[in-house]
Amino acid sequence: MRQTVDGKMRRAWLGLAAGLGLAVAAGAQAQGLSWEDGLRGDAPDRYTVVRGDTLWDISGRFLRHPWQWPEVWQVNPQIRNPHLIYPGDVVYLYDCDGRPCIGLERGQGQVRLSPEMRTIPHREAITPIPLEDIRHFLREHRIVDDPEALEELAYVVGGDDRRLMSGVGDRLYARGEVPAIGRVGFYRVGERFLDPASGELLGLELEGVGQARRERQEAEMAVLEVTSSQQEVRNGDIVLPLEDRGLVTEFVPRAPEREVEGTILAVPGGVQFIGRLQVVALDRGRRDGLEPGHVLRVEQRGELVSDPRTGEQLRLPGEDAGLVMVFKAYQKMSYGLIMEASRTLAVGDRVHNPRRAVSAALR
């Protein structure tokens, strides 16, 4: 028998998720998972949170499909400042009107969620997914939808002592107008992302190589001091105000509302094979209905074989091989994080909506 507790704990899982920056849209209705279909066969009755856990990891210990964790939440609009999950807390299963729900114990007692304010060191709370890896990526990458606009931006034309490359502390000269307030970034043009089918330009990748502050502007020339650099700054590098790259952490993992059919475009860094927790570029974006938190199934492309009778090249049917969750959506493309990979993934693999019905997903 699963542990049964007071019905007042029914809303615990929503509180846990909201405390991590997750939210459920107003009016959302939890579909509910059954004890038989929704849970792993080896799901524990209780699990003690350890440092390094993520909400996805914890959900994966209980659910067959971790991205479906919102289905065990209960909507409670009165909870404004719920508790967070910390190492040492105990997550446990209990019966919730005939279906599984998840509760939390902190210390010796059960947590009852309330709108009361409570000061908790946020740095110690566990995160929904490994956010630090994503933050590091976003600090160094951005996408431009209109490459022609780059022609109007300032760019590096020289440095002290006629240097072709510069580093921290060096003075650089850029041609064009540079904002006087705030820091600016140096960017190098990277990969051009094209739609595999139509050839449409989906975006131009800019790779950040350093930052600077403006000392002064003289006519069309700006004098800059390099304050940080990941690589040496070169002549021709573009100068841009730093993008507001605050990472959206309010991830509610869910299937897209619209049907999405796309592919993995590229892997930043140019690696050939893709595994769990690697960032990938997808050829679908906001115009296709993708938003942060959307989960897509990755289908490994079938092998190319020769027909033994006709000699023609045939591609075998693909196989479901992983899950990717979108964390940054641009107009025509997106960046996602591979959350699961049962096979080695590669550029060109298809992405599509996960099956909505739990029973169908288990067949």
Protein backbone atom coordinates (compact mmCIF):
# COMPACT_ATOMS: atom_id res chain seq x y z
CA MET A 1 0.00 0.00 0.00
CA ARG A 2 1.15 3.48 -0.87
CA GLN A 3 1.35 5.99 1.93
CA THR A 4 -1.93 7.85 2.50
CA VAL A 5 -2.00 11.22 4.22
CA ASP A 6 -4.44 14.00 4.95
CA GLY A 7 -6.18 15.45 1.87
CA LYS A 8 -4.86 18.91 2.71
CA MET A 9 -1.53 17.88 1.17
CA ARG A 10 -2.99 17.43 -2.29
CA ARG A 11 -1.48 20.65 -3.54
CA ALA A 12 2.04 19.93 -2.37
CA TRP A 13 3.58 19.14 -5.73
CA LEU A 14 2.42 22.38 -7.31
CA GLY A 15 3.99 24.21 -4.41
CA LEU A 16 7.27 22.43 -4.96
CA ALA A 17 7.24 23.24 -8.63
CA ALA A 18 6.21 26.86 -8.17
CA GLY A 19 8.91 27.29 -5.56
CA LEU A 20 11.42 26.38 -8.23
CA GLY A 21 10.08 29.04 -10.55
CA LEU A 22 7.54 26.76 -12.25
CA ALA A 23 3.97 27.83 -12.83
CA VAL A 24 0.74 26.35 -14.12
CA ALA A 25 -1.39 28.50 -16.40
CA ALA A 26 -4.52 29.88 -14.82
CA GLY A 27 -7.40 27.52 -15.21
CA ALA A 28 -5.19 24.57 -16.16
CA GLN A 29 -6.66 21.23 -15.27
CA ALA A 30 -4.47 18.37 -14.11
CA GLN A 31 -5.28 15.32 -16.18
CA GLY A 32 -4.01 13.00 -13.50
CA LEU A 33 -1.89 9.89 -13.87
CA SER A 34 -3.07 6.52 -12.65
CA TRP A 35 -1.16 4.33 -10.23
CA GLU A 36 -0.79 1.71 -12.96
CA ASP A 37 0.12 3.78 -16.02
CA GLY A 38 1.71 6.92 -14.68
CA LEU A 39 4.28 5.57 -12.23
CA ARG A 40 7.46 3.62 -12.70
CA GLY A 41 7.23 0.05 -11.53
CA ASP A 42 10.16 0.66 -9.19
CA ALA A 43 8.98 4.06 -7.93
CA PRO A 44 10.02 4.53 -4.29
CA ASP A 45 7.51 5.43 -1.59
CA ARG A 46 9.98 8.03 -0.31
CA TYR A 47 13.06 9.75 -1.69
CA THR A 48 15.50 12.02 0.15
CA VAL A 49 16.72 14.94 -1.98
CA VAL A 50 20.49 15.25 -2.36
CA ARG A 51 22.67 18.10 -3.61
CA GLY A 52 22.86 18.08 -7.39
CA ASP A 53 19.32 16.76 -7.90
CA THR A 54 16.97 18.54 -10.29
CA LEU A 55 13.18 18.43 -10.37
CA TRP A 56 13.43 16.46 -13.62
CA ASP A 57 15.70 13.89 -11.91
CA ILE A 58 13.36 13.52 -8.94
CA SER A 59 10.31 13.21 -11.19
CA GLY A 60 12.11 10.52 -13.17
CA ARG A 61 12.39 8.41 -10.01
CA PHE A 62 8.60 8.35 -9.71
CA LEU A 63 7.15 8.85 -13.21
CA ARG A 64 7.58 6.84 -16.37
CA HIS A 65 7.79 10.11 -18.30
CA PRO A 66 9.41 12.85 -16.15
CA TRP A 67 8.18 15.66 -18.41
CA GLN A 68 4.62 14.87 -17.29
CA TRP A 69 5.23 16.07 -13.74
CA PRO A 70 2.60 18.87 -14.03
CA GLU A 71 -0.02 16.11 -14.19
CA VAL A 72 0.49 15.39 -10.49
CA TRP A 73 0.18 19.04 -9.49
CA GLN A 74 -2.94 20.61 -8.06
CA VAL A 75 -3.75 24.21 -8.97
CA ASN A 76 -3.91 26.48 -5.91
CA PRO A 77 -4.03 30.19 -6.82
CA GLN A 78 -3.68 31.18 -3.15
CA ILE A 79 -0.08 29.97 -2.97
CA ARG A 80 2.09 32.98 -3.74
CA ASN A 81 5.30 32.20 -1.89
CA PRO A 82 5.56 28.42 -1.53
CA HIS A 83 8.48 26.56 -0.06
CA LEU A 84 11.39 25.39 -2.17
CA ILE A 85 12.97 21.94 -2.26
CA TYR A 86 16.32 21.56 -0.51
CA PRO A 87 18.81 18.74 -0.06
CA GLY A 88 17.64 16.64 2.89
CA ASP A 89 13.94 17.12 2.17
CA VAL A 90 11.89 13.96 1.65
CA VAL A 91 9.56 13.60 -1.32
CA TYR A 92 6.92 10.89 -0.97
CA LEU A 93 3.94 9.37 -2.75
CA TYR A 94 0.42 9.33 -1.36
CA ASP A 95 -3.08 8.56 -2.58
CA CYS A 96 -5.07 11.51 -3.90
CA ASP A 97 -8.66 10.40 -4.57
CA GLY A 98 -7.50 7.24 -6.28
CA ARG A 99 -4.50 8.66 -8.18
CA PRO A 100 -0.93 9.40 -7.14
CA CYS A 101 0.13 12.75 -5.72
CA ILE A 102 3.45 13.81 -4.27
CA GLY A 103 4.11 15.46 -0.92
CA LEU A 104 7.09 16.89 0.90
CA GLU A 105 8.49 16.48 4.41
CA ARG A 106 10.98 18.97 5.79
CA GLY A 107 12.72 18.05 9.02
CA GLN A 108 10.41 16.13 11.33
CA GLY A 109 7.14 17.50 10.04
CA GLN A 110 5.06 17.76 6.92
CA VAL A 111 5.14 20.96 4.89
CA ARG A 112 1.83 22.76 4.65
CA LEU A 113 1.94 25.36 1.92
CA SER A 114 0.71 28.86 2.70
CA PRO A 115 1.04 32.38 1.33
CA GLU A 116 3.29 33.40 4.22
CA MET A 117 6.61 35.03 3.38
CA ARG A 118 9.69 33.08 4.32
CA THR A 119 13.33 34.01 3.77
CA ILE A 120 15.27 31.06 2.33
CA PRO A 121 18.73 31.14 0.73
CA HIS A 122 17.80 30.59 -2.91
CA ARG A 123 21.26 29.34 -3.86
CA GLU A 124 20.68 26.13 -1.92
CA ALA A 125 17.41 25.15 -3.58
CA ILE A 126 17.43 22.53 -6.30
CA THR A 127 16.63 23.65 -9.85
CA PRO A 128 14.12 22.30 -12.42
CA ILE A 129 16.91 21.29 -14.84
CA PRO A 130 20.70 21.94 -14.88
CA LEU A 131 20.40 25.70 -15.36
CA GLU A 132 24.06 26.65 -15.01
CA ASP A 133 25.02 24.87 -18.23
CA ILE A 134 22.33 26.80 -20.08
CA ARG A 135 23.32 30.15 -18.56
CA HIS A 136 26.91 29.58 -19.66
CA PHE A 137 25.72 28.83 -23.19
CA LEU A 138 23.49 31.91 -23.41
CA ARG A 139 26.32 34.16 -22.25
CA GLU A 140 28.24 33.25 -25.38
CA HIS A 141 25.56 32.71 -28.05
CA ARG A 142 22.76 34.74 -29.57
CA ILE A 143 20.72 34.53 -32.77
CA VAL A 144 20.06 37.32 -35.27
CA ASP A 145 16.97 36.93 -37.45
CA ASP A 146 17.99 39.57 -39.99
CA PRO A 147 21.69 39.31 -40.97
CA GLU A 148 21.42 42.44 -43.12
CA ALA A 149 20.94 44.47 -39.94
CA LEU A 150 24.52 43.61 -38.97
CA GLU A 151 25.76 45.93 -41.72
CA GLU A 152 24.54 48.89 -39.65
CA LEU A 153 26.37 47.86 -36.46
CA ALA A 154 29.73 49.04 -35.14
CA TYR A 155 32.72 46.76 -35.71
CA VAL A 156 36.35 46.60 -34.57
CA VAL A 157 38.83 48.23 -36.97
CA GLY A 158 42.03 48.31 -34.90
CA GLY A 159 43.80 48.21 -31.57
CA ASP A 160 46.74 49.66 -29.66
CA ASP A 161 50.10 49.37 -31.40
CA ARG A 162 48.40 48.20 -34.59
CA ARG A 163 47.41 44.88 -33.06
CA LEU A 164 45.18 42.58 -35.09
CA MET A 165 43.98 40.80 -31.92
CA SER A 166 43.46 42.17 -28.40
CA GLY A 167 42.68 40.99 -24.85
CA VAL A 168 41.68 42.29 -21.38
CA GLY A 169 42.93 45.80 -20.62
CA ASP A 170 43.69 46.64 -24.25
CA ARG A 171 42.19 49.65 -26.02
CA LEU A 172 40.27 49.03 -29.24
CA TYR A 173 38.79 51.23 -31.93
CA ALA A 174 35.40 50.52 -33.49
CA ARG A 175 33.77 52.18 -36.45
CA GLY A 176 30.16 53.10 -35.78
CA GLU A 177 28.01 54.39 -32.95
CA VAL A 178 28.53 52.64 -29.60
CA PRO A 179 26.21 53.29 -26.60
CA ALA A 180 27.79 55.28 -23.78
CA ILE A 181 25.86 53.54 -20.99
CA GLY A 182 26.44 49.95 -20.00
CA ARG A 183 28.82 47.35 -21.31
CA VAL A 184 28.98 46.14 -24.88
CA GLY A 185 29.92 42.76 -26.24
CA PHE A 186 32.22 41.66 -29.05
CA TYR A 187 30.61 39.06 -31.30
CA ARG A 188 31.94 36.92 -34.12
CA VAL A 189 29.67 35.65 -36.87
CA GLY A 190 29.15 31.92 -36.53
CA GLU A 191 26.92 29.40 -38.25
CA ARG A 192 24.17 30.28 -40.70
CA PHE A 193 21.16 28.11 -39.89
CA LEU A 194 19.15 27.11 -42.96
CA ASP A 195 15.88 25.22 -43.22
CA PRO A 196 16.87 21.73 -44.47
CA ALA A 197 13.86 21.54 -46.79
CA SER A 198 13.34 25.06 -48.15
CA GLY A 199 16.78 26.59 -47.70
CA GLU A 200 15.24 29.57 -45.84
CA LEU A 201 17.63 31.39 -43.53
CA LEU A 202 16.39 30.72 -40.00
CA GLY A 203 19.01 32.68 -38.12
CA LEU A 204 22.61 33.73 -37.90
CA GLU A 205 24.57 32.68 -34.84
CA LEU A 206 26.75 35.24 -33.10
CA GLU A 207 29.42 33.91 -30.74
CA GLY A 208 30.47 36.20 -27.89
CA VAL A 209 34.21 36.63 -27.56
CA GLY A 210 34.48 39.44 -24.99
CA GLN A 211 33.09 42.58 -23.37
CA ALA A 212 34.13 46.23 -23.13
CA ARG A 213 33.15 49.68 -21.96
CA ARG A 214 33.15 52.79 -24.12
CA GLU A 215 35.73 55.41 -23.18
CA ARG A 216 34.65 58.01 -25.71
CA GLN A 217 33.07 58.54 -29.13
CA GLU A 218 34.79 60.74 -31.73
CA ALA A 219 32.65 61.20 -34.84
CA GLU A 220 32.22 57.70 -36.31
CA MET A 221 35.01 56.17 -34.21
CA ALA A 222 34.51 54.74 -30.71
CA VAL A 223 37.34 54.06 -28.25
CA LEU A 224 36.73 50.94 -26.15
CA GLU A 225 38.52 49.26 -23.24
CA VAL A 226 38.33 45.45 -23.15
CA THR A 227 37.05 44.33 -19.73
CA SER A 228 36.78 40.56 -20.30
CA SER A 229 37.41 38.08 -23.08
CA GLN A 230 36.82 34.41 -23.76
CA GLN A 231 38.87 34.67 -26.96
CA GLU A 232 41.12 37.32 -28.45
CA VAL A 233 39.12 40.13 -30.03
CA ARG A 234 39.87 40.56 -33.74
CA ASN A 235 39.38 43.23 -36.36
CA GLY A 236 35.94 42.82 -37.89
CA ASP A 237 34.27 41.57 -34.71
CA ILE A 238 30.84 43.14 -34.23
CA VAL A 239 30.09 45.45 -31.29
CA LEU A 240 26.62 45.09 -29.74
CA PRO A 241 24.94 46.13 -26.48
CA LEU A 242 24.80 43.09 -24.21
CA GLU A 243 21.59 41.14 -24.69
CA ASP A 244 19.24 40.80 -21.74
CA ARG A 245 19.97 37.14 -21.28
CA GLY A 246 18.05 36.54 -18.10
CA LEU A 247 17.20 32.85 -18.33
CA VAL A 248 13.52 31.96 -18.14
CA THR A 249 13.38 29.40 -15.33
CA GLU A 250 9.59 29.07 -15.21
CA PHE A 251 9.72 25.82 -17.13
CA VAL A 252 6.45 23.91 -17.21
CA PRO A 253 7.34 20.80 -19.22
CA ARG A 254 4.52 20.06 -21.65
CA ALA A 255 3.80 19.06 -25.21
CA PRO A 256 3.36 21.95 -27.69
CA GLU A 257 -0.27 22.89 -28.28
CA ARG A 258 0.30 22.70 -32.04
CA GLU A 259 1.75 19.78 -33.93
CA VAL A 260 5.46 20.34 -34.47
CA GLU A 261 7.59 18.49 -37.02
CA GLY A 262 11.22 19.53 -37.28
CA THR A 263 14.83 18.43 -37.10
CA ILE A 264 17.99 18.98 -35.10
CA LEU A 265 19.85 21.63 -37.08
CA ALA A 266 23.21 21.71 -35.35
CA VAL A 267 25.14 21.20 -32.15
CA PRO A 268 27.11 24.24 -30.92
CA GLY A 269 30.76 23.23 -30.86
CA GLY A 270 30.40 21.10 -33.95
CA VAL A 271 30.36 17.69 -32.25
CA GLN A 272 29.12 14.81 -34.39
CA PHE A 273 27.16 12.76 -31.87
CA ILE A 274 24.72 14.07 -29.27
CA GLY A 275 24.05 12.82 -25.76
CA ARG A 276 22.16 13.80 -22.63
CA LEU A 277 22.41 17.42 -21.40
CA GLN A 278 23.87 18.72 -24.66
CA VAL A 279 22.49 21.89 -26.27
CA VAL A 280 21.06 21.55 -29.78
CA ALA A 281 19.65 23.99 -32.34
CA LEU A 282 16.19 23.15 -33.72
CA ASP A 283 14.67 24.34 -37.00
CA ARG A 284 11.40 25.38 -35.39
CA GLY A 285 10.69 28.50 -33.31
CA ARG A 286 8.04 30.87 -32.00
CA ARG A 287 6.28 31.13 -35.34
CA ASP A 288 5.75 27.37 -35.17
CA GLY A 289 4.30 27.57 -31.64
CA LEU A 290 7.40 26.63 -29.65
CA GLU A 291 7.99 28.19 -26.23
CA PRO A 292 10.41 27.53 -23.36
CA GLY A 293 9.35 24.35 -21.57
CA HIS A 294 7.98 22.57 -24.62
CA VAL A 295 9.12 18.96 -24.80
CA LEU A 296 9.69 17.15 -28.09
CA ARG A 297 10.44 13.53 -28.82
CA VAL A 298 13.65 12.96 -30.80
CA GLU A 299 13.49 10.26 -33.45
CA GLN A 300 16.81 8.79 -34.56
CA ARG A 301 16.96 8.70 -38.34
CA GLY A 302 16.76 5.27 -39.87
CA GLU A 303 19.77 3.79 -41.60
CA LEU A 304 20.25 4.16 -45.36
CA VAL A 305 20.23 0.75 -47.05
CA SER A 306 20.29 -0.53 -50.62
CA ASP A 307 17.31 -2.43 -51.94
CA PRO A 308 18.72 -5.90 -52.75
CA ARG A 309 16.54 -6.17 -55.86
CA THR A 310 16.50 -2.68 -57.35
CA GLY A 311 19.69 -1.23 -55.89
CA GLU A 312 17.92 1.99 -54.94
CA GLN A 313 18.73 3.74 -51.66
CA LEU A 314 16.09 3.39 -48.95
CA ARG A 315 15.92 4.90 -45.48
CA LEU A 316 14.62 2.63 -42.75
CA PRO A 317 11.94 3.93 -40.32
CA GLY A 318 13.27 5.99 -37.42
CA GLU A 319 13.19 5.01 -33.76
CA ASP A 320 12.28 7.18 -30.75
CA ALA A 321 15.57 7.81 -29.01
CA GLY A 322 15.27 10.77 -26.62
CA LEU A 323 13.60 13.94 -25.37
CA VAL A 324 14.59 17.57 -25.89
CA MET A 325 13.18 20.53 -23.92
CA VAL A 326 13.19 24.01 -25.46
CA PHE A 327 14.84 26.64 -23.23
CA LYS A 328 15.26 29.55 -25.69
CA ALA A 329 12.86 30.19 -28.59
CA TYR A 330 13.62 32.65 -31.39
CA GLN A 331 11.25 33.57 -34.20
CA LYS A 332 12.33 30.88 -36.65
CA MET A 333 14.45 28.48 -34.58
CA SER A 334 15.11 27.40 -31.00
CA TYR A 335 17.74 26.07 -28.65
CA GLY A 336 16.92 22.98 -26.60
CA LEU A 337 18.56 20.74 -24.02
CA ILE A 338 18.63 16.98 -24.53
CA MET A 339 17.01 15.62 -21.36
CA GLU A 340 17.00 11.94 -22.28
CA ALA A 341 18.91 9.93 -24.88
CA SER A 342 18.46 6.16 -25.12
CA ARG A 343 20.47 6.08 -28.36
CA THR A 344 23.19 8.26 -29.86
CA LEU A 345 21.52 11.26 -31.51
CA ALA A 346 22.81 13.26 -34.47
CA VAL A 347 22.19 16.36 -36.57
CA GLY A 348 19.28 15.66 -38.89
CA ASP A 349 17.32 13.57 -36.41
CA ARG A 350 13.60 14.36 -36.44
CA VAL A 351 11.77 16.04 -33.55
CA HIS A 352 8.01 15.86 -33.01
CA ASN A 353 5.31 16.08 -30.35
CA PRO A 354 5.42 13.39 -27.68
CA ARG A 355 2.38 11.17 -27.55
CA ARG A 356 -0.21 12.89 -25.41
CA ALA A 357 -1.90 9.83 -23.95
CA VAL A 358 0.07 8.02 -21.29
CA SER A 359 -1.39 4.69 -22.36
CA ALA A 360 -0.28 5.31 -25.94
CA ALA A 361 3.19 6.28 -24.80
CA LEU A 362 3.53 2.99 -22.95
CA ARG A 363 2.57 0.83 -25.92
